[in-house]
C-alpha atoms as a PDB file:
ATOM      1  CA  MET A   1      -0.003  -0.002  -0.015  1.00  0.00           C
ATOM      2  CA  GLY A   2       1.453   3.362  -1.025  1.00  0.00           C
ATOM      3  CA  ARG A   3       1.785   6.377   1.184  1.00  0.00           C
ATOM      4  CA  GLY A   4      -1.423   8.360   1.590  1.00  0.00           C
ATOM      5  CA  ARG A   5      -3.736   5.656   0.230  1.00  0.00           C
ATOM      6  CA  LEU A   6      -6.562   3.844   1.902  1.00  0.00           C
ATOM      7  CA  ALA A   7      -7.071   0.106   1.780  1.00  0.00           C
ATOM      8  CA  LYS A   8      -9.465  -0.821  -1.021  1.00  0.00           C
ATOM      9  CA  PRO A   9     -12.303  -2.066   1.245  1.00  0.00           C
ATOM     10  CA  ILE A  10     -12.204   1.162   3.230  1.00  0.00           C
ATOM     11  CA  TYR A  11     -12.015   3.288   0.045  1.00  0.00           C
ATOM     12  CA  GLU A  12     -14.949   1.470  -1.538  1.00  0.00           C
ATOM     13  CA  SER A  13     -17.112   1.807   1.582  1.00  0.00           C
ATOM     14  CA  LEU A  14     -16.641   5.561   2.063  1.00  0.00           C
ATOM     15  CA  PRO A  15     -19.817   6.621   0.202  1.00  0.00           C
ATOM     16  CA  ALA A  16     -21.885   4.219   2.290  1.00  0.00           C
ATOM     17  CA  LEU A  17     -20.219   5.466   5.479  1.00  0.00           C
ATOM     18  CA  TYR A  18     -20.988   9.099   4.543  1.00  0.00           C
ATOM     19  CA  VAL A  19     -24.638   8.237   3.861  1.00  0.00           C
ATOM     20  CA  ALA A  20     -24.864   6.236   7.118  1.00  0.00           C
ATOM     21  CA  GLY A  21     -23.286   9.091   9.064  1.00  0.00           C
ATOM     22  CA  GLY A  22     -25.687  11.534   7.410  1.00  0.00           C
ATOM     23  CA  THR A  23     -28.632   9.352   8.308  1.00  0.00           C
ATOM     24  CA  LEU A  24     -27.477   9.191  11.936  1.00  0.00           C
ATOM     25  CA  MET A  25     -27.079  12.970  12.100  1.00  0.00           C
ATOM     26  CA  MET A  26     -30.536  13.567  10.606  1.00  0.00           C
ATOM     27  CA  ALA A  27     -32.029  11.083  13.072  1.00  0.00           C
ATOM     28  CA  LEU A  28     -30.347  12.858  15.967  1.00  0.00           C
ATOM     29  CA  SER A  29     -31.602  16.183  14.657  1.00  0.00           C
ATOM     30  CA  TYR A  30     -35.163  14.862  14.401  1.00  0.00           C
ATOM     31  CA  HIS A  31     -35.255  13.180  17.788  1.00  0.00           C
ATOM     32  CA  ASN A  32     -33.739  16.171  19.603  1.00  0.00           C
ATOM     33  CA  ARG A  33     -35.642  18.996  17.885  1.00  0.00           C
ATOM     34  CA  ASP A  34     -35.748  21.163  21.024  1.00  0.00           C
ATOM     35  CA  THR A  35     -31.954  21.436  21.433  1.00  0.00           C
ATOM     36  CA  ASP A  36     -29.631  24.070  19.995  1.00  0.00           C
ATOM     37  CA  TRP A  37     -27.587  21.540  18.069  1.00  0.00           C
ATOM     38  CA  SER A  38     -30.558  20.071  16.167  1.00  0.00           C
ATOM     39  CA  GLY A  39     -30.111  22.464  13.209  1.00  0.00           C
ATOM     40  CA  PRO A  40     -26.381  21.865  12.757  1.00  0.00           C
ATOM     41  CA  CYS A  41     -26.958  18.085  13.012  1.00  0.00           C
ATOM     42  CA  GLY A  42     -29.581  18.292  10.269  1.00  0.00           C
ATOM     43  CA  VAL A  43     -27.260  20.297   8.053  1.00  0.00           C
ATOM     44  CA  LEU A  44     -24.405  17.816   8.599  1.00  0.00           C
ATOM     45  CA  GLY A  45     -26.787  14.999   7.824  1.00  0.00           C
ATOM     46  CA  VAL A  46     -27.704  16.493   4.456  1.00  0.00           C
ATOM     47  CA  VAL A  47     -24.039  17.197   3.721  1.00  0.00           C
ATOM     48  CA  GLY A  48     -23.203  13.540   4.491  1.00  0.00           C
ATOM     49  CA  TRP A  49     -25.912  12.327   2.109  1.00  0.00           C
ATOM     50  CA  VAL A  50     -24.895  14.700  -0.660  1.00  0.00           C
ATOM     51  CA  ALA A  51     -21.190  13.825  -0.292  1.00  0.00           C
ATOM     52  CA  GLY A  52     -21.854  10.086  -0.257  1.00  0.00           C
ATOM     53  CA  LEU A  53     -24.127  10.202  -3.310  1.00  0.00           C
ATOM     54  CA  ALA A  54     -21.775  12.562  -5.186  1.00  0.00           C
ATOM     55  CA  ILE A  55     -18.762  10.317  -4.622  1.00  0.00           C
ATOM     56  CA  TRP A  56     -20.721   7.185  -5.579  1.00  0.00           C
ATOM     57  CA  MET A  57     -22.003   8.774  -8.816  1.00  0.00           C
ATOM     58  CA  HIS A  58     -18.566  10.180  -9.711  1.00  0.00           C
ATOM     59  CA  ARG A  59     -16.945   6.765  -9.276  1.00  0.00           C
ATOM     60  CA  ARG A  60     -19.703   5.046 -11.247  1.00  0.00           C
ATOM     61  CA  ASP A  61     -19.366   7.497 -14.159  1.00  0.00           C
ATOM     62  CA  TYR A  62     -15.573   7.303 -14.139  1.00  0.00           C
ATOM     63  CA  ARG A  63     -15.603   3.529 -14.225  1.00  0.00           C
ATOM     64  CA  ALA A  64     -18.125   3.439 -17.040  1.00  0.00           C
ATOM     65  CA  THR A  65     -16.266   5.950 -19.223  1.00  0.00           C
ATOM     66  CA  SER A  66     -12.822   4.491 -18.548  1.00  0.00           C
ATOM     67  CA  ALA A  67     -14.092   1.041 -19.588  1.00  0.00           C
ATOM     68  CA  ASP A  68     -15.399   2.624 -22.818  1.00  0.00           C
ATOM     69  CA  TYR A  69     -12.047   4.233 -23.526  1.00  0.00           C
ATOM     70  CA  LEU A  70     -10.212   0.990 -22.965  1.00  0.00           C
ATOM     71  CA  ARG A  71     -12.473  -0.847 -25.446  1.00  0.00           C
ATOM     72  CA  ARG A  72     -12.115   1.783 -28.204  1.00  0.00           C
ATOM     73  CA  GLY A  73      -8.619   0.820 -29.268  1.00  0.00           C
ATOM     74  CA  LYS A  74      -9.172  -2.925 -29.399  1.00  0.00           C
ATOM     75  CA  PRO A  75     -10.245  -4.729 -32.577  1.00  0.00           C
ATOM     76  CA  VAL A  76     -13.499  -6.616 -32.691  1.00  0.00           C
ATOM     77  CA  SER A  77     -12.883 -10.349 -32.416  1.00  0.00           C
ATOM     78  CA  GLY A  78     -13.008 -12.180 -35.713  1.00  0.00           C
ATOM     79  CA  VAL A  79     -12.495  -9.046 -37.782  1.00  0.00           C
ATOM     80  CA  GLU A  80      -9.033  -8.031 -38.952  1.00  0.00           C
ATOM     81  CA  GLU A  81      -7.973  -4.391 -38.939  1.00  0.00           C
ATOM     82  CA  PRO A  82      -7.189  -2.826 -42.303  1.00  0.00           C
ATOM     83  CA  ARG A  83      -3.512  -2.382 -42.960  1.00  0.00           C
ATOM     84  CA  GLY A  84      -2.406   0.643 -44.645  1.00  0.00           C
END
């Protein structure tokens, strides 16, 4: 593992952890509506959800487009490329 990198299982679970943390913060905000920290907990909950979903969507799009780019240069099986 290189310096400054996370282990793959931890890296892959980050979006789910952000969403779970956001859900917990929103639940705390809802159940403790009469406290001063209810508002900040709700805001942090929404931020956790947005961050988790944004990271998940960014990774999904990157993986889809990088797979497309890798396939572009390869010949179709059974068909020879023209030589010129």
